[in-house]
Amino acid sequence: MINKKIINQIEKEAKRYFKGASGCHDWTHIERVRMLALKLGKKEKANLQILEVATILHDISRKQEMKNGGKFCHAEEGAKIAKKILKKYKIDNKSIENIVHCVLTHRYRNANIPKTIEAKVLFDADKLDSIGAIGIARAFLFAGSFGSNILYTGNEKHLAKSGKDYSYTKEDSSLMEYEFKLKYIKNKLLTKAGKEIGRSRDQFMKEFFKRFSDEIDGKK
């Protein structure tokens, strides 16, 4: 059992890693993902204490990754930092390993596949925050801060077909993020509860970028 006092102490320590973080991955992102994760976790019968701690820690290395232009994986580095933090508290090894697994796999890259229900719920909650109205706003903010700093390049659909990730480059834009990654998020969600919310958010996003493209072309 991880009591509320321990969770609050871990949260206080984690917040230090978000000072000066970009608005697309700052503490407000953690709060939204936490609310979503706990909502999904209740439906999926996950361990809510483990899930909450994992959510607090999942992006602990994100600011550093963005500072370095994506040259290392924040999930992998974050898992190492999370383990060091958790070892300070009276948490059993099994719970620590599950939390670290959640942090490591929330990005779902290479062989880092979410295996526990807590890891799957965190993965879905994190991905859901990247689509819908909030997702659109975050995509514009990210591209404006770390990419091309323009609304669109006109190359998005063509470049997206190459399969290359153009994040942190002059070709990046919110439309590029949508064409390359965001339009496929709903198909990658892992839980039934996550997929239900994903369908609604995806539809909103789809309609927005269709209108966005139509206005670019003068159709609307």
N, C-alpha and C. Protein backbone atom coordinates (compact mmCIF):
# COMPACT_ATOMS: atom_id res chain seq x y z
N MET A 1 0.84 -1.20 0.00
CA MET A 1 0.00 0.00 0.00
C MET A 1 0.88 1.26 0.00
N ILE A 2 0.62 2.15 -0.92
CA ILE A 2 1.34 3.42 -0.98
C ILE A 2 0.37 4.49 -0.49
N ASN A 3 0.62 5.02 0.70
CA ASN A 3 -0.34 5.96 1.27
C ASN A 3 -0.22 7.36 0.65
N LYS A 4 -1.18 8.19 0.97
CA LYS A 4 -1.27 9.53 0.39
C LYS A 4 -0.08 10.39 0.78
N LYS A 5 0.44 10.18 1.99
CA LYS A 5 1.58 10.97 2.44
C LYS A 5 2.79 10.71 1.53
N ILE A 6 3.03 9.46 1.20
CA ILE A 6 4.15 9.11 0.33
C ILE A 6 3.94 9.69 -1.07
N ILE A 7 2.70 9.59 -1.55
CA ILE A 7 2.38 10.13 -2.89
C ILE A 7 2.65 11.63 -2.93
N ASN A 8 2.26 12.34 -1.87
CA ASN A 8 2.48 13.78 -1.80
C ASN A 8 3.97 14.13 -1.76
N GLN A 9 4.75 13.31 -1.07
CA GLN A 9 6.19 13.54 -0.99
C GLN A 9 6.86 13.32 -2.34
N ILE A 10 6.43 12.28 -3.03
CA ILE A 10 6.96 11.99 -4.37
C ILE A 10 6.57 13.10 -5.34
N GLU A 11 5.35 13.57 -5.22
CA GLU A 11 4.89 14.67 -6.08
C GLU A 11 5.72 15.93 -5.86
N LYS A 12 5.99 16.25 -4.60
CA LYS A 12 6.79 17.43 -4.28
C LYS A 12 8.18 17.32 -4.90
N GLU A 13 8.76 16.13 -4.84
CA GLU A 13 10.09 15.92 -5.41
C GLU A 13 10.05 15.98 -6.93
N ALA A 14 9.01 15.40 -7.52
CA ALA A 14 8.89 15.35 -8.99
C ALA A 14 8.72 16.75 -9.59
N LYS A 15 8.00 17.61 -8.90
CA LYS A 15 7.73 18.96 -9.42
C LYS A 15 9.00 19.75 -9.71
N ARG A 16 10.07 19.44 -9.01
CA ARG A 16 11.33 20.14 -9.22
C ARG A 16 11.85 19.95 -10.64
N TYR A 17 11.52 18.80 -11.23
CA TYR A 17 12.01 18.48 -12.57
C TYR A 17 11.21 19.21 -13.66
N PHE A 18 10.13 19.89 -13.28
CA PHE A 18 9.28 20.55 -14.27
C PHE A 18 9.40 22.07 -14.24
N LYS A 19 10.26 22.59 -13.39
CA LYS A 19 10.45 24.04 -13.35
C LYS A 19 11.04 24.53 -14.67
N GLY A 20 10.36 25.48 -15.30
CA GLY A 20 10.81 26.00 -16.58
C GLY A 20 10.52 25.11 -17.76
N ALA A 21 9.68 24.08 -17.57
CA ALA A 21 9.36 23.17 -18.66
C ALA A 21 8.44 23.83 -19.68
N SER A 22 8.48 23.35 -20.92
CA SER A 22 7.59 23.86 -21.96
C SER A 22 6.14 23.61 -21.60
N GLY A 23 5.26 24.50 -22.02
CA GLY A 23 3.84 24.37 -21.72
C GLY A 23 3.20 23.10 -22.26
N CYS A 24 3.81 22.48 -23.26
CA CYS A 24 3.21 21.26 -23.81
C CYS A 24 3.59 20.02 -22.99
N HIS A 25 4.59 20.17 -22.11
CA HIS A 25 4.97 19.05 -21.24
C HIS A 25 5.30 19.56 -19.84
N ASP A 26 4.51 20.48 -19.33
CA ASP A 26 4.75 21.00 -17.99
C ASP A 26 3.88 20.27 -16.97
N TRP A 27 3.76 20.81 -15.77
CA TRP A 27 3.01 20.11 -14.73
C TRP A 27 1.52 20.02 -15.04
N THR A 28 0.99 20.94 -15.83
CA THR A 28 -0.43 20.85 -16.19
C THR A 28 -0.70 19.57 -16.99
N HIS A 29 0.28 19.15 -17.79
CA HIS A 29 0.16 17.89 -18.53
C HIS A 29 0.07 16.72 -17.54
N ILE A 30 0.91 16.74 -16.51
CA ILE A 30 0.88 15.69 -15.50
C ILE A 30 -0.48 15.64 -14.82
N GLU A 31 -1.02 16.79 -14.48
CA GLU A 31 -2.32 16.83 -13.80
C GLU A 31 -3.43 16.28 -14.68
N ARG A 32 -3.42 16.62 -15.96
CA ARG A 32 -4.46 16.12 -16.86
C ARG A 32 -4.34 14.60 -17.03
N VAL A 33 -3.11 14.14 -17.21
CA VAL A 33 -2.89 12.70 -17.38
C VAL A 33 -3.27 11.95 -16.11
N ARG A 34 -2.99 12.55 -14.96
CA ARG A 34 -3.36 11.90 -13.69
C ARG A 34 -4.87 11.75 -13.58
N MET A 35 -5.60 12.80 -13.88
CA MET A 35 -7.07 12.71 -13.81
C MET A 35 -7.62 11.66 -14.77
N LEU A 36 -7.08 11.66 -15.98
CA LEU A 36 -7.51 10.68 -16.97
C LEU A 36 -7.13 9.27 -16.55
N ALA A 37 -5.91 9.09 -16.07
CA ALA A 37 -5.43 7.77 -15.68
C ALA A 37 -6.26 7.19 -14.55
N LEU A 38 -6.59 8.01 -13.56
CA LEU A 38 -7.39 7.52 -12.44
C LEU A 38 -8.81 7.19 -12.89
N LYS A 39 -9.33 7.97 -13.83
CA LYS A 39 -10.66 7.69 -14.37
C LYS A 39 -10.66 6.36 -15.13
N LEU A 40 -9.66 6.16 -15.99
CA LEU A 40 -9.55 4.92 -16.74
C LEU A 40 -9.21 3.76 -15.81
N GLY A 41 -8.33 4.03 -14.84
CA GLY A 41 -7.88 2.99 -13.92
C GLY A 41 -9.01 2.38 -13.11
N LYS A 42 -9.97 3.20 -12.70
CA LYS A 42 -11.12 2.69 -11.96
C LYS A 42 -11.93 1.73 -12.81
N LYS A 43 -12.11 2.09 -14.08
CA LYS A 43 -12.88 1.23 -14.98
C LYS A 43 -12.14 -0.06 -15.32
N GLU A 44 -10.81 0.03 -15.38
CA GLU A 44 -10.00 -1.13 -15.76
C GLU A 44 -9.51 -1.93 -14.55
N LYS A 45 -9.95 -1.50 -13.35
CA LYS A 45 -9.59 -2.18 -12.10
C LYS A 45 -8.07 -2.24 -11.88
N ALA A 46 -7.42 -1.14 -12.13
CA ALA A 46 -5.98 -1.03 -11.91
C ALA A 46 -5.70 -0.65 -10.46
N ASN A 47 -4.46 -0.82 -10.02
CA ASN A 47 -4.04 -0.37 -8.70
C ASN A 47 -3.84 1.14 -8.79
N LEU A 48 -4.73 1.90 -8.17
CA LEU A 48 -4.74 3.35 -8.35
C LEU A 48 -3.56 4.05 -7.69
N GLN A 49 -3.02 3.47 -6.61
CA GLN A 49 -1.86 4.08 -5.96
C GLN A 49 -0.62 3.98 -6.86
N ILE A 50 -0.40 2.80 -7.40
CA ILE A 50 0.72 2.59 -8.32
C ILE A 50 0.55 3.47 -9.55
N LEU A 51 -0.66 3.54 -10.06
CA LEU A 51 -0.96 4.33 -11.25
C LEU A 51 -0.72 5.81 -11.02
N GLU A 52 -1.14 6.30 -9.86
CA GLU A 52 -0.97 7.73 -9.57
C GLU A 52 0.51 8.10 -9.47
N VAL A 53 1.30 7.28 -8.77
CA VAL A 53 2.73 7.55 -8.63
C VAL A 53 3.41 7.48 -10.00
N ALA A 54 3.05 6.49 -10.80
CA ALA A 54 3.64 6.35 -12.14
C ALA A 54 3.32 7.55 -13.00
N THR A 55 2.12 8.06 -12.87
CA THR A 55 1.71 9.24 -13.65
C THR A 55 2.52 10.46 -13.24
N ILE A 56 2.71 10.63 -11.95
CA ILE A 56 3.49 11.76 -11.43
C ILE A 56 4.92 11.74 -11.97
N LEU A 57 5.46 10.54 -12.14
CA LEU A 57 6.87 10.40 -12.53
C LEU A 57 7.11 10.18 -14.03
N HIS A 58 6.07 9.95 -14.81
CA HIS A 58 6.28 9.44 -16.17
C HIS A 58 7.06 10.38 -17.10
N ASP A 59 6.94 11.69 -16.91
CA ASP A 59 7.64 12.64 -17.79
C ASP A 59 8.74 13.38 -17.06
N ILE A 60 9.29 12.77 -16.05
CA ILE A 60 10.26 13.45 -15.20
C ILE A 60 11.54 13.85 -15.95
N SER A 61 11.81 13.20 -17.06
CA SER A 61 13.01 13.51 -17.85
C SER A 61 12.67 14.20 -19.17
N ARG A 62 11.41 14.60 -19.34
CA ARG A 62 10.95 15.18 -20.61
C ARG A 62 11.59 16.54 -20.89
N LYS A 63 11.68 17.38 -19.86
CA LYS A 63 12.26 18.71 -20.05
C LYS A 63 13.69 18.60 -20.58
N GLN A 64 14.44 17.66 -20.04
CA GLN A 64 15.83 17.49 -20.46
C GLN A 64 15.91 16.96 -21.89
N GLU A 65 14.99 16.06 -22.25
CA GLU A 65 14.97 15.54 -23.62
C GLU A 65 14.70 16.66 -24.62
N MET A 66 13.74 17.52 -24.30
CA MET A 66 13.40 18.62 -25.19
C MET A 66 14.54 19.63 -25.27
N LYS A 67 15.22 19.84 -24.16
CA LYS A 67 16.37 20.75 -24.12
C LYS A 67 17.48 20.24 -25.05
N ASN A 68 17.59 18.92 -25.17
CA ASN A 68 18.62 18.30 -25.99
C ASN A 68 18.12 17.92 -27.39
N GLY A 69 16.97 18.46 -27.78
CA GLY A 69 16.46 18.24 -29.13
C GLY A 69 16.10 16.79 -29.43
N GLY A 70 15.66 16.05 -28.42
CA GLY A 70 15.22 14.67 -28.63
C GLY A 70 16.34 13.68 -28.87
N LYS A 71 17.52 13.98 -28.34
CA LYS A 71 18.68 13.12 -28.59
C LYS A 71 18.73 11.89 -27.69
N PHE A 72 17.85 11.82 -26.71
CA PHE A 72 17.74 10.60 -25.90
C PHE A 72 16.28 10.37 -25.55
N CYS A 73 15.96 9.18 -25.10
CA CYS A 73 14.57 8.81 -24.80
C CYS A 73 14.23 9.18 -23.36
N HIS A 74 13.27 10.08 -23.19
CA HIS A 74 12.92 10.53 -21.84
C HIS A 74 12.28 9.42 -21.01
N ALA A 75 11.66 8.45 -21.66
CA ALA A 75 11.05 7.34 -20.93
C ALA A 75 12.12 6.46 -20.30
N GLU A 76 13.16 6.18 -21.06
CA GLU A 76 14.25 5.34 -20.55
C GLU A 76 15.01 6.05 -19.42
N GLU A 77 15.34 7.32 -19.65
CA GLU A 77 16.04 8.07 -18.62
C GLU A 77 15.15 8.31 -17.41
N GLY A 78 13.87 8.57 -17.67
CA GLY A 78 12.92 8.82 -16.60
C GLY A 78 12.74 7.61 -15.70
N ALA A 79 12.78 6.42 -16.28
CA ALA A 79 12.65 5.19 -15.50
C ALA A 79 13.79 5.05 -14.50
N LYS A 80 14.98 5.43 -14.92
CA LYS A 80 16.15 5.36 -14.03
C LYS A 80 16.01 6.35 -12.87
N ILE A 81 15.58 7.56 -13.20
CA ILE A 81 15.39 8.59 -12.16
C ILE A 81 14.28 8.18 -11.21
N ALA A 82 13.19 7.66 -11.76
CA ALA A 82 12.04 7.23 -10.95
C ALA A 82 12.45 6.17 -9.94
N LYS A 83 13.26 5.23 -10.38
CA LYS A 83 13.70 4.15 -9.48
C LYS A 83 14.51 4.70 -8.32
N LYS A 84 15.37 5.66 -8.59
CA LYS A 84 16.18 6.27 -7.53
C LYS A 84 15.30 7.00 -6.52
N ILE A 85 14.28 7.69 -7.02
CA ILE A 85 13.36 8.41 -6.14
C ILE A 85 12.56 7.44 -5.28
N LEU A 86 12.03 6.40 -5.89
CA LEU A 86 11.18 5.45 -5.19
C LEU A 86 11.91 4.67 -4.11
N LYS A 87 13.20 4.45 -4.31
CA LYS A 87 14.00 3.69 -3.34
C LYS A 87 14.12 4.42 -2.00
N LYS A 88 13.81 5.72 -2.01
CA LYS A 88 13.91 6.51 -0.78
C LYS A 88 12.74 6.24 0.17
N TYR A 89 11.67 5.65 -0.37
CA TYR A 89 10.45 5.48 0.41
C TYR A 89 10.18 4.01 0.73
N LYS A 90 9.32 3.80 1.70
CA LYS A 90 8.97 2.44 2.11
C LYS A 90 7.93 1.86 1.16
N ILE A 91 8.41 1.51 -0.03
CA ILE A 91 7.56 0.90 -1.05
C ILE A 91 8.15 -0.44 -1.41
N ASP A 92 7.33 -1.47 -1.47
CA ASP A 92 7.83 -2.82 -1.74
C ASP A 92 8.40 -2.90 -3.16
N ASN A 93 9.34 -3.81 -3.35
CA ASN A 93 10.06 -3.93 -4.62
C ASN A 93 9.14 -4.22 -5.80
N LYS A 94 8.10 -5.02 -5.58
CA LYS A 94 7.18 -5.36 -6.66
C LYS A 94 6.47 -4.11 -7.17
N SER A 95 6.05 -3.26 -6.26
CA SER A 95 5.37 -2.02 -6.64
C SER A 95 6.33 -1.07 -7.35
N ILE A 96 7.57 -1.00 -6.85
CA ILE A 96 8.58 -0.15 -7.48
C ILE A 96 8.82 -0.59 -8.92
N GLU A 97 8.97 -1.89 -9.11
CA GLU A 97 9.22 -2.41 -10.45
C GLU A 97 8.05 -2.13 -11.40
N ASN A 98 6.84 -2.21 -10.88
CA ASN A 98 5.67 -1.91 -11.71
C ASN A 98 5.64 -0.44 -12.10
N ILE A 99 5.92 0.43 -11.14
CA ILE A 99 5.93 1.88 -11.43
C ILE A 99 7.01 2.21 -12.45
N VAL A 100 8.20 1.66 -12.25
CA VAL A 100 9.31 1.90 -13.18
C VAL A 100 8.95 1.37 -14.58
N HIS A 101 8.29 0.21 -14.62
CA HIS A 101 7.83 -0.35 -15.89
C HIS A 101 6.84 0.59 -16.57
N CYS A 102 5.95 1.18 -15.81
CA CYS A 102 4.97 2.14 -16.35
C CYS A 102 5.68 3.34 -16.99
N VAL A 103 6.67 3.86 -16.27
CA VAL A 103 7.42 5.02 -16.78
C VAL A 103 8.18 4.64 -18.05
N LEU A 104 8.83 3.49 -18.03
CA LEU A 104 9.63 3.05 -19.17
C LEU A 104 8.79 2.83 -20.42
N THR A 105 7.58 2.30 -20.25
CA THR A 105 6.77 1.88 -21.41
C THR A 105 5.69 2.87 -21.82
N HIS A 106 5.59 4.02 -21.12
CA HIS A 106 4.51 4.94 -21.48
C HIS A 106 4.69 5.51 -22.88
N ARG A 107 5.92 5.42 -23.40
CA ARG A 107 6.18 5.91 -24.74
C ARG A 107 5.97 4.81 -25.79
N TYR A 108 6.04 3.56 -25.36
CA TYR A 108 5.81 2.39 -26.22
C TYR A 108 6.71 2.43 -27.46
N ARG A 109 8.01 2.40 -27.23
CA ARG A 109 8.98 2.37 -28.32
C ARG A 109 9.79 1.08 -28.27
N ASN A 110 10.17 0.57 -29.41
CA ASN A 110 11.01 -0.61 -29.52
C ASN A 110 10.40 -1.79 -28.75
N ALA A 111 11.18 -2.36 -27.81
CA ALA A 111 10.69 -3.53 -27.06
C ALA A 111 10.03 -3.13 -25.75
N ASN A 112 9.91 -1.83 -25.49
CA ASN A 112 9.33 -1.36 -24.23
C ASN A 112 7.81 -1.33 -24.31
N ILE A 113 7.21 -2.50 -24.22
CA ILE A 113 5.77 -2.65 -24.38
C ILE A 113 5.08 -2.71 -23.02
N PRO A 114 4.01 -1.94 -22.81
CA PRO A 114 3.28 -1.98 -21.53
C PRO A 114 2.69 -3.37 -21.30
N LYS A 115 3.00 -3.97 -20.15
CA LYS A 115 2.52 -5.32 -19.87
C LYS A 115 1.52 -5.37 -18.71
N THR A 116 1.68 -4.50 -17.73
CA THR A 116 0.73 -4.50 -16.61
C THR A 116 -0.46 -3.61 -16.96
N ILE A 117 -1.57 -3.81 -16.26
CA ILE A 117 -2.75 -2.99 -16.54
C ILE A 117 -2.47 -1.53 -16.19
N GLU A 118 -1.65 -1.29 -15.17
CA GLU A 118 -1.29 0.09 -14.81
C GLU A 118 -0.50 0.75 -15.92
N ALA A 119 0.43 0.01 -16.52
CA ALA A 119 1.24 0.56 -17.62
C ALA A 119 0.37 0.85 -18.84
N LYS A 120 -0.59 -0.02 -19.10
CA LYS A 120 -1.49 0.17 -20.25
C LYS A 120 -2.38 1.39 -20.04
N VAL A 121 -2.87 1.56 -18.82
CA VAL A 121 -3.72 2.71 -18.52
C VAL A 121 -2.93 4.01 -18.64
N LEU A 122 -1.71 4.03 -18.09
CA LEU A 122 -0.88 5.23 -18.19
C LEU A 122 -0.58 5.54 -19.65
N PHE A 123 -0.25 4.53 -20.43
CA PHE A 123 0.01 4.73 -21.85
C PHE A 123 -1.19 5.40 -22.52
N ASP A 124 -2.39 4.89 -22.27
CA ASP A 124 -3.59 5.45 -22.89
C ASP A 124 -3.86 6.87 -22.42
N ALA A 125 -3.74 7.11 -21.13
CA ALA A 125 -4.01 8.45 -20.60
C ALA A 125 -3.04 9.48 -21.19
N ASP A 126 -1.78 9.10 -21.30
CA ASP A 126 -0.77 9.99 -21.87
C ASP A 126 -1.06 10.27 -23.34
N LYS A 127 -1.44 9.24 -24.08
CA LYS A 127 -1.72 9.42 -25.51
C LYS A 127 -3.01 10.22 -25.72
N LEU A 128 -3.99 10.02 -24.87
CA LEU A 128 -5.24 10.78 -25.00
C LEU A 128 -5.01 12.27 -24.82
N ASP A 129 -4.01 12.64 -24.02
CA ASP A 129 -3.72 14.06 -23.83
C ASP A 129 -3.04 14.67 -25.05
N SER A 130 -2.65 13.83 -26.00
CA SER A 130 -1.99 14.34 -27.21
C SER A 130 -2.98 14.49 -28.37
N ILE A 131 -4.24 14.12 -28.16
CA ILE A 131 -5.25 14.28 -29.20
C ILE A 131 -6.44 15.07 -28.67
N GLY A 132 -7.43 15.34 -29.53
CA GLY A 132 -8.56 16.17 -29.11
C GLY A 132 -8.17 17.63 -29.06
N ALA A 133 -8.96 18.44 -28.38
CA ALA A 133 -8.72 19.89 -28.31
C ALA A 133 -7.38 20.21 -27.64
N ILE A 134 -7.11 19.54 -26.52
CA ILE A 134 -5.84 19.75 -25.81
C ILE A 134 -4.67 19.32 -26.70
N GLY A 135 -4.83 18.21 -27.39
CA GLY A 135 -3.77 17.71 -28.26
C GLY A 135 -3.43 18.68 -29.38
N ILE A 136 -4.45 19.29 -29.96
CA ILE A 136 -4.23 20.28 -31.02
C ILE A 136 -3.44 21.46 -30.47
N ALA A 137 -3.85 21.96 -29.31
CA ALA A 137 -3.17 23.10 -28.70
C ALA A 137 -1.72 22.76 -28.39
N ARG A 138 -1.48 21.56 -27.88
CA ARG A 138 -0.11 21.15 -27.55
C ARG A 138 0.73 21.00 -28.82
N ALA A 139 0.13 20.52 -29.90
CA ALA A 139 0.87 20.35 -31.16
C ALA A 139 1.34 21.69 -31.70
N PHE A 140 0.48 22.69 -31.65
CA PHE A 140 0.88 24.04 -32.09
C PHE A 140 1.98 24.60 -31.20
N LEU A 141 1.84 24.40 -29.90
CA LEU A 141 2.82 24.92 -28.96
C LEU A 141 4.18 24.25 -29.16
N PHE A 142 4.18 22.94 -29.32
CA PHE A 142 5.43 22.20 -29.50
C PHE A 142 6.14 22.62 -30.79
N ALA A 143 5.39 22.63 -31.89
CA ALA A 143 5.99 22.98 -33.19
C ALA A 143 6.49 24.42 -33.19
N GLY A 144 5.75 25.30 -32.53
CA GLY A 144 6.15 26.70 -32.48
C GLY A 144 7.40 26.92 -31.65
N SER A 145 7.58 26.09 -30.63
CA SER A 145 8.72 26.25 -29.73
C SER A 145 9.96 25.49 -30.19
N PHE A 146 9.75 24.31 -30.81
CA PHE A 146 10.89 23.45 -31.10
C PHE A 146 11.01 23.05 -32.57
N GLY A 147 10.06 23.47 -33.40
CA GLY A 147 10.10 23.08 -34.81
C GLY A 147 10.27 24.27 -35.73
N SER A 148 9.37 24.36 -36.71
CA SER A 148 9.51 25.37 -37.76
C SER A 148 9.08 26.77 -37.32
N ASN A 149 8.27 26.85 -36.27
CA ASN A 149 7.75 28.13 -35.77
C ASN A 149 6.86 28.83 -36.80
N ILE A 150 6.25 28.04 -37.70
CA ILE A 150 5.25 28.58 -38.63
C ILE A 150 4.02 27.68 -38.58
N LEU A 151 2.90 28.17 -39.09
CA LEU A 151 1.66 27.40 -39.01
C LEU A 151 1.73 26.10 -39.79
N TYR A 152 2.30 26.15 -40.98
CA TYR A 152 2.44 24.94 -41.80
C TYR A 152 3.51 25.18 -42.84
N THR A 153 4.06 24.12 -43.40
CA THR A 153 5.11 24.24 -44.42
C THR A 153 4.59 23.96 -45.82
N GLY A 154 3.49 23.21 -45.90
CA GLY A 154 2.96 22.80 -47.20
C GLY A 154 3.51 21.44 -47.63
N ASN A 155 4.47 20.92 -46.87
CA ASN A 155 5.09 19.62 -47.21
C ASN A 155 4.60 18.48 -46.34
N GLU A 156 3.67 18.75 -45.45
CA GLU A 156 3.32 17.79 -44.41
C GLU A 156 2.87 16.42 -44.93
N LYS A 157 1.90 16.39 -45.82
CA LYS A 157 1.36 15.11 -46.29
C LYS A 157 2.41 14.30 -47.05
N HIS A 158 3.23 14.99 -47.83
CA HIS A 158 4.27 14.31 -48.60
C HIS A 158 5.34 13.72 -47.68
N LEU A 159 5.82 14.52 -46.73
CA LEU A 159 6.88 14.07 -45.84
C LEU A 159 6.40 13.00 -44.86
N ALA A 160 5.14 13.08 -44.46
CA ALA A 160 4.61 12.10 -43.51
C ALA A 160 4.65 10.68 -44.08
N LYS A 161 4.54 10.57 -45.40
CA LYS A 161 4.56 9.26 -46.05
C LYS A 161 5.93 8.59 -45.99
N SER A 162 6.96 9.36 -45.72
CA SER A 162 8.32 8.81 -45.68
C SER A 162 8.55 7.97 -44.43
N GLY A 163 7.74 8.20 -43.41
CA GLY A 163 7.91 7.47 -42.17
C GLY A 163 8.97 8.04 -41.25
N LYS A 164 9.55 9.17 -41.63
CA LYS A 164 10.58 9.82 -40.82
C LYS A 164 9.94 10.81 -39.85
N ASP A 165 10.45 10.81 -38.63
CA ASP A 165 9.94 11.74 -37.62
C ASP A 165 10.65 13.09 -37.77
N TYR A 166 9.89 14.14 -38.05
CA TYR A 166 10.47 15.47 -38.26
C TYR A 166 10.36 16.37 -37.04
N SER A 167 10.10 15.79 -35.86
CA SER A 167 10.08 16.60 -34.65
C SER A 167 11.44 17.27 -34.44
N TYR A 168 11.42 18.49 -33.92
CA TYR A 168 12.62 19.28 -33.65
C TYR A 168 13.33 19.74 -34.92
N THR A 169 12.65 19.71 -36.09
CA THR A 169 13.27 20.17 -37.33
C THR A 169 12.47 21.33 -37.91
N LYS A 170 13.02 21.98 -38.94
CA LYS A 170 12.34 23.10 -39.58
C LYS A 170 11.12 22.66 -40.38
N GLU A 171 10.96 21.36 -40.56
CA GLU A 171 9.80 20.84 -41.28
C GLU A 171 8.63 20.54 -40.35
N ASP A 172 8.87 20.67 -39.05
CA ASP A 172 7.81 20.32 -38.10
C ASP A 172 6.75 21.42 -38.03
N SER A 173 5.51 21.00 -37.83
CA SER A 173 4.38 21.91 -37.64
C SER A 173 3.28 21.10 -36.97
N SER A 174 2.22 21.78 -36.52
CA SER A 174 1.11 21.04 -35.91
C SER A 174 0.48 20.10 -36.94
N LEU A 175 0.41 20.54 -38.19
CA LEU A 175 -0.16 19.70 -39.25
C LEU A 175 0.73 18.49 -39.51
N MET A 176 2.04 18.69 -39.41
CA MET A 176 2.97 17.57 -39.56
C MET A 176 2.78 16.55 -38.45
N GLU A 177 2.60 17.05 -37.22
CA GLU A 177 2.37 16.17 -36.08
C GLU A 177 1.10 15.34 -36.30
N TYR A 178 0.07 15.99 -36.84
CA TYR A 178 -1.18 15.29 -37.10
C TYR A 178 -1.00 14.22 -38.17
N GLU A 179 -0.42 14.60 -39.30
CA GLU A 179 -0.29 13.68 -40.43
C GLU A 179 0.65 12.50 -40.11
N PHE A 180 1.69 12.78 -39.33
CA PHE A 180 2.68 11.74 -39.05
C PHE A 180 2.30 10.85 -37.88
N LYS A 181 1.68 11.44 -36.85
CA LYS A 181 1.48 10.68 -35.62
C LYS A 181 0.08 10.73 -35.02
N LEU A 182 -0.46 11.92 -34.85
CA LEU A 182 -1.68 12.07 -34.06
C LEU A 182 -2.90 11.37 -34.66
N LYS A 183 -3.00 11.32 -35.98
CA LYS A 183 -4.16 10.69 -36.62
C LYS A 183 -4.20 9.18 -36.41
N TYR A 184 -3.09 8.61 -35.94
CA TYR A 184 -3.02 7.16 -35.73
C TYR A 184 -3.13 6.76 -34.25
N ILE A 185 -3.17 7.73 -33.37
CA ILE A 185 -3.15 7.45 -31.93
C ILE A 185 -4.32 6.56 -31.51
N LYS A 186 -5.51 6.84 -32.00
CA LYS A 186 -6.68 6.09 -31.56
C LYS A 186 -6.54 4.59 -31.80
N ASN A 187 -5.79 4.21 -32.81
CA ASN A 187 -5.62 2.79 -33.14
C ASN A 187 -4.56 2.11 -32.28
N LYS A 188 -3.84 2.91 -31.48
CA LYS A 188 -2.77 2.35 -30.66
C LYS A 188 -3.17 2.22 -29.18
N LEU A 189 -4.34 2.74 -28.83
CA LEU A 189 -4.79 2.68 -27.44
C LEU A 189 -5.03 1.23 -27.02
N LEU A 190 -4.76 0.95 -25.75
CA LEU A 190 -4.71 -0.43 -25.29
C LEU A 190 -5.88 -0.90 -24.44
N THR A 191 -6.61 0.03 -23.84
CA THR A 191 -7.70 -0.37 -22.94
C THR A 191 -9.07 -0.01 -23.53
N LYS A 192 -10.07 -0.71 -23.10
CA LYS A 192 -11.44 -0.46 -23.58
C LYS A 192 -11.88 0.95 -23.19
N ALA A 193 -11.60 1.34 -21.94
CA ALA A 193 -11.99 2.67 -21.47
C ALA A 193 -11.26 3.76 -22.24
N GLY A 194 -10.00 3.53 -22.55
CA GLY A 194 -9.22 4.51 -23.29
C GLY A 194 -9.72 4.67 -24.72
N LYS A 195 -10.07 3.57 -25.34
CA LYS A 195 -10.55 3.60 -26.72
C LYS A 195 -11.86 4.36 -26.83
N GLU A 196 -12.71 4.28 -25.81
CA GLU A 196 -14.00 5.00 -25.83
C GLU A 196 -13.77 6.51 -25.89
N ILE A 197 -12.88 7.01 -25.06
CA ILE A 197 -12.57 8.44 -25.06
C ILE A 197 -11.81 8.81 -26.33
N GLY A 198 -10.95 7.91 -26.78
CA GLY A 198 -10.13 8.17 -27.96
C GLY A 198 -10.94 8.41 -29.21
N ARG A 199 -12.03 7.70 -29.37
CA ARG A 199 -12.86 7.88 -30.58
C ARG A 199 -13.42 9.29 -30.66
N SER A 200 -13.89 9.81 -29.55
CA SER A 200 -14.46 11.15 -29.52
C SER A 200 -13.39 12.21 -29.77
N ARG A 201 -12.25 12.08 -29.12
CA ARG A 201 -11.18 13.06 -29.29
C ARG A 201 -10.61 13.02 -30.71
N ASP A 202 -10.50 11.82 -31.26
CA ASP A 202 -9.99 11.69 -32.61
C ASP A 202 -10.92 12.36 -33.62
N GLN A 203 -12.22 12.19 -33.45
CA GLN A 203 -13.19 12.77 -34.38
C GLN A 203 -13.11 14.29 -34.36
N PHE A 204 -13.00 14.86 -33.16
CA PHE A 204 -12.87 16.32 -33.04
C PHE A 204 -11.62 16.80 -33.76
N MET A 205 -10.53 16.11 -33.54
CA MET A 205 -9.24 16.49 -34.13
C MET A 205 -9.29 16.35 -35.66
N LYS A 206 -9.90 15.28 -36.12
CA LYS A 206 -10.03 15.03 -37.56
C LYS A 206 -10.79 16.16 -38.24
N GLU A 207 -11.89 16.58 -37.62
CA GLU A 207 -12.70 17.66 -38.18
C GLU A 207 -11.93 18.98 -38.16
N PHE A 208 -11.17 19.23 -37.10
CA PHE A 208 -10.40 20.47 -37.02
C PHE A 208 -9.36 20.54 -38.13
N PHE A 209 -8.56 19.50 -38.31
CA PHE A 209 -7.50 19.56 -39.31
C PHE A 209 -8.03 19.48 -40.74
N LYS A 210 -9.22 18.92 -40.92
CA LYS A 210 -9.86 18.96 -42.24
C LYS A 210 -10.24 20.40 -42.55
N ARG A 211 -10.84 21.08 -41.58
CA ARG A 211 -11.20 22.49 -41.75
C ARG A 211 -9.95 23.35 -41.93
N PHE A 212 -8.92 23.06 -41.15
CA PHE A 212 -7.66 23.79 -41.24
C PHE A 212 -7.08 23.69 -42.65
N SER A 213 -7.06 22.48 -43.21
CA SER A 213 -6.54 22.26 -44.56
C SER A 213 -7.41 22.93 -45.61
N ASP A 214 -8.73 22.88 -45.40
CA ASP A 214 -9.65 23.52 -46.34
C ASP A 214 -9.45 25.03 -46.38
N GLU A 215 -9.21 25.61 -45.22
CA GLU A 215 -8.99 27.06 -45.17
C GLU A 215 -7.65 27.44 -45.79
N ILE A 216 -6.66 26.58 -45.65
CA ILE A 216 -5.38 26.82 -46.30
C ILE A 216 -5.58 26.87 -47.83
N ASP A 217 -6.40 25.95 -48.33
CA ASP A 217 -6.65 25.85 -49.77
C ASP A 217 -7.75 26.80 -50.26
N GLY A 218 -8.31 27.60 -49.35
CA GLY A 218 -9.34 28.55 -49.75
C GLY A 218 -10.68 27.92 -50.04
N LYS A 219 -10.90 26.72 -49.54
CA LYS A 219 -12.17 26.01 -49.81
C LYS A 219 -13.27 26.45 -48.84
N LYS A 220 -12.89 27.00 -47.73
CA LYS A 220 -13.88 27.41 -46.73
C LYS A 220 -13.72 28.90 -46.40
